[in-house]
Protein backbone atom coordinates (compact mmCIF):
# COMPACT_ATOMS: atom_id res chain seq x y z
CA MET A 1 120.33 99.66 76.14
CA ARG A 2 116.81 100.13 77.49
CA ARG A 3 117.86 99.47 81.09
CA GLY A 4 120.68 101.97 80.87
CA TRP A 5 118.31 104.58 79.48
CA VAL A 6 115.81 104.01 82.29
CA SER A 7 118.49 104.18 84.96
CA GLY A 8 120.11 107.24 83.41
CA SER A 9 116.79 109.00 83.07
CA TRP A 10 115.93 108.21 86.67
CA TRP A 11 119.24 109.57 87.94
CA ALA A 12 118.90 112.70 85.82
CA LEU A 13 115.51 113.25 87.42
CA VAL A 14 116.86 112.69 90.93
CA LEU A 15 119.80 115.01 90.38
CA ALA A 16 117.52 117.72 89.06
CA ALA A 17 115.13 117.27 91.96
CA THR A 18 117.84 117.47 94.60
CA ALA A 19 120.27 119.88 92.95
CA CYS A 20 119.57 122.74 95.34
CA HIS A 21 120.05 120.60 98.45
CA ARG A 22 123.49 121.90 99.39
CA ASP A 23 122.77 125.43 98.32
CA ALA A 24 119.61 126.47 99.79
CA ARG A 25 101.52 92.61 102.88
CA PRO A 26 100.64 89.28 101.81
CA ALA A 27 96.86 88.88 101.29
CA ALA A 28 95.62 92.43 101.59
CA ASP A 29 96.57 95.95 102.47
CA ARG A 30 97.90 95.78 106.01
CA ARG A 31 97.14 99.44 106.68
CA PRO A 32 94.04 99.85 108.88
CA ALA A 33 91.33 102.13 107.53
CA SER A 34 92.01 104.60 110.33
CA ALA A 35 95.78 104.64 109.85
CA SER A 36 97.67 107.74 110.91
CA VAL A 37 101.30 108.67 111.36
CA ASP A 38 102.45 107.12 114.63
CA SER A 39 104.23 108.97 117.40
CA THR A 40 107.62 107.37 116.71
CA LEU A 41 108.13 109.36 113.52
CA GLY A 42 110.00 112.23 115.13
CA GLU A 43 109.52 115.96 114.79
CA PRO A 44 108.06 117.72 111.73
CA ALA A 45 110.85 118.82 109.38
CA SER A 46 110.79 121.41 106.61
CA ASP A 47 114.43 122.47 106.33
CA ASP A 48 116.56 122.14 103.18
CA GLU A 49 117.52 118.55 104.02
CA ALA A 50 113.92 117.51 104.54
CA ARG A 51 112.77 119.23 101.34
CA SER A 52 115.56 117.55 99.38
CA ALA A 53 114.61 114.13 100.80
CA ALA A 54 110.97 114.81 99.91
CA ARG A 55 111.90 115.72 96.31
CA PHE A 56 114.00 112.55 96.03
CA THR A 57 111.08 110.48 97.31
CA GLN A 58 108.52 112.12 95.01
CA ALA A 59 110.83 111.68 92.01
CA PHE A 60 111.12 107.97 92.81
CA TYR A 61 107.36 107.46 93.11
CA ASP A 62 106.72 109.37 89.87
CA TRP A 63 109.34 107.25 88.09
CA TYR A 64 108.01 104.04 89.67
CA ALA A 65 104.50 104.77 88.37
CA ARG A 66 105.89 105.19 84.85
CA GLN A 67 107.47 101.73 85.13
CA GLY A 68 104.08 100.20 85.87
CA GLU A 69 104.91 99.88 89.59
CA LYS A 70 106.96 96.77 89.07
CA PHE A 71 109.09 95.93 92.09
CA GLU A 72 111.66 93.88 90.15
CA VAL A 73 112.12 96.67 87.58
CA ALA A 74 113.04 99.10 90.34
CA LEU A 75 115.64 96.68 91.71
CA LYS A 76 117.22 96.15 88.29
CA ALA A 77 117.00 99.66 86.87
CA SER A 78 117.75 101.78 89.95
CA PRO A 79 119.49 99.72 92.63
CA ALA A 80 121.52 102.71 93.84
CA VAL A 81 118.43 104.36 95.36
CA PHE A 82 118.24 101.64 98.02
CA ALA A 83 120.54 101.20 101.00
CA PRO A 84 122.80 98.16 100.45
CA GLU A 85 121.25 96.03 103.22
CA LEU A 86 117.70 96.67 102.05
CA LEU A 87 118.67 96.02 98.42
CA ALA A 88 120.33 92.72 99.34
CA ALA A 89 117.28 91.59 101.32
CA MET A 90 114.90 92.48 98.47
CA ARG A 91 117.09 90.67 95.92
CA ALA A 92 117.22 87.58 98.16
CA ASP A 93 113.43 87.62 98.41
CA VAL A 94 113.02 87.86 94.63
CA ALA A 95 115.54 85.04 94.10
CA ALA A 96 113.77 82.81 96.64
CA GLN A 97 110.43 83.37 94.94
CA ALA A 98 111.97 82.61 91.54
CA ARG A 99 113.13 79.24 92.90
CA ASN A 100 109.64 78.41 94.21
CA ARG A 101 107.26 78.93 91.32
CA ASP A 102 104.49 76.80 92.85
CA ASP A 103 104.30 78.53 96.24
CA VAL A 104 104.35 82.09 97.51
CA VAL A 105 107.48 82.32 99.66
CA GLY A 106 108.27 86.02 99.21
CA LEU A 107 106.55 89.36 98.96
CA ASP A 108 103.20 89.22 97.22
CA TRP A 109 102.32 92.87 97.68
CA ASP A 110 104.02 96.01 96.47
CA PRO A 111 106.76 96.81 98.99
CA PHE A 112 106.93 100.51 98.13
CA LEU A 113 103.17 101.06 98.27
CA ALA A 114 102.44 98.58 101.12
CA THR A 115 99.42 97.19 99.28
CA GLN A 116 98.20 94.91 96.51
CA ASP A 117 95.75 97.57 95.38
CA PRO A 118 97.61 100.73 94.23
CA CYS A 119 95.96 104.13 94.47
CA ASP A 120 97.81 106.29 91.92
CA PRO A 121 99.15 108.86 91.87
CA TYR A 122 101.24 108.81 95.04
CA ARG A 123 102.22 112.13 96.58
CA VAL A 124 104.54 113.14 99.39
CA ASP A 125 102.40 114.22 102.30
CA ARG A 126 104.72 115.39 105.07
CA THR A 127 108.25 114.96 106.36
CA THR A 128 109.57 114.35 109.85
CA ARG A 129 113.02 113.76 111.25
CA ARG A 130 114.30 111.04 113.55
CA GLY A 131 118.00 111.52 114.16
CA ASP A 132 119.79 111.53 110.80
CA THR A 133 116.84 109.86 109.07
CA ILE A 134 114.16 111.81 107.20
CA LEU A 135 110.77 110.11 107.21
CA VAL A 136 108.64 110.97 104.20
CA ALA A 137 104.94 110.10 104.38
CA VAL A 138 103.48 109.10 100.99
CA THR A 139 99.75 108.94 100.24
CA GLY A 140 97.80 107.53 97.32
CA THR A 141 95.36 109.97 95.74
CA CYS A 142 93.19 107.93 93.37
CA ALA A 143 90.05 109.89 92.54
CA ASP A 144 87.63 106.94 92.59
CA ARG A 145 88.01 106.29 96.32
CA GLN A 146 87.36 108.07 99.57
CA PRO A 147 90.16 110.38 100.77
CA ARG A 148 92.87 108.51 102.63
CA PRO A 149 92.80 109.01 106.41
CA GLY A 150 96.58 108.86 106.56
CA PRO A 151 99.66 107.99 104.50
CA ASP A 152 99.97 104.62 102.81
CA VAL A 153 103.66 104.23 103.49
CA ILE A 154 106.46 106.13 105.20
CA ALA A 155 109.79 106.10 103.38
CA GLU A 156 112.85 106.25 105.62
CA VAL A 157 115.45 108.25 103.72
CA GLY A 158 119.11 108.76 104.62
CA ARG A 159 122.48 109.54 103.11
CA PHE A 160 124.76 106.88 101.68
CA GLU A 161 127.97 107.90 99.92
CA ALA A 162 126.73 111.50 99.61
CA HIS A 163 123.39 110.71 97.97
CA TRP A 164 119.93 109.89 99.24
CA VAL A 165 118.85 106.27 99.57
CA PHE A 166 115.81 104.50 100.92
CA LEU A 167 116.67 102.82 104.20
CA ASP A 168 113.27 101.22 104.70
CA PHE A 169 109.57 101.61 103.94
CA ARG A 170 107.35 101.63 107.00
CA HIS A 171 103.72 100.56 107.08
CA ALA A 172 101.61 103.50 108.10
CA GLY A 173 99.55 102.90 111.22
CA ASP A 174 101.56 100.01 112.68
CA ALA A 175 105.10 99.19 113.71
CA GLY A 176 105.91 97.06 110.68
CA SER A 177 108.24 97.79 107.80
CA LEU A 178 109.57 96.31 104.59
CA ALA A 179 112.85 95.32 106.27
CA GLN A 180 110.91 93.48 108.98
CA ASP A 181 108.67 91.78 106.42
CA LEU A 182 111.70 90.58 104.49
CA ALA A 183 113.35 89.27 107.67
CA ASN A 184 110.16 87.43 108.66
CA LEU A 185 109.84 85.86 105.22
CA ARG A 186 113.50 84.82 105.31
CA ARG A 187 112.95 83.12 108.69
CA GLU A 188 109.83 81.37 107.41
CA ARG A 189 111.73 80.05 104.39
CA ALA A 190 114.55 78.81 106.62
CA ALA A 191 112.08 77.06 108.93
CA ASP A 192 110.30 75.43 105.99
CA SER A 193 113.63 74.27 104.60
CA ALA A 194 114.65 72.80 107.97
CA ARG A 195 111.33 70.96 108.27
CA ALA A 196 111.71 69.60 104.72
CA ARG A 197 115.21 68.31 105.55
CA GLY A 198 113.91 66.64 108.71
CA ARG A 199 111.34 64.55 106.91
């Protein structure tokens, strides 16, 4: 009952936020202190599509904060906001960690904030376009810290079955991303498993 309410509320929020679209890191934060949006992010975008993607992204981060920024809650309550490949990789990571209670074998930082040390609230900063993908820069705005020199994470947003989904979450200031982190962790687990079998 509760899960259905959360998911339904989230989708009501997303639909309201995008209704006018068609009409109008393991041990520490991997982001360097001087992080800035890199040059691969495409051209600045402020058209209807970009604004709709930005509203979708902001609605997600607002909702995520209300859930206590719990990665597993987002996967269970709102799986449809993630592209299928990214969702499958995140679920595999969670399952692997659940099987290995004594060791860290999966993500041990927040994948949507790219840190272990959140800086709420998170706000959409700017949008750019790279092909059919809208890149939405998101920055933490906590009042007890110095202003951020750049975004904390860059959400890659695209269309899947006529609605927005998150394709990936890029680390601001380097070439890494959540999808790459998950792939690296999967390879590390496979290598560890192969070594264990070879003993």
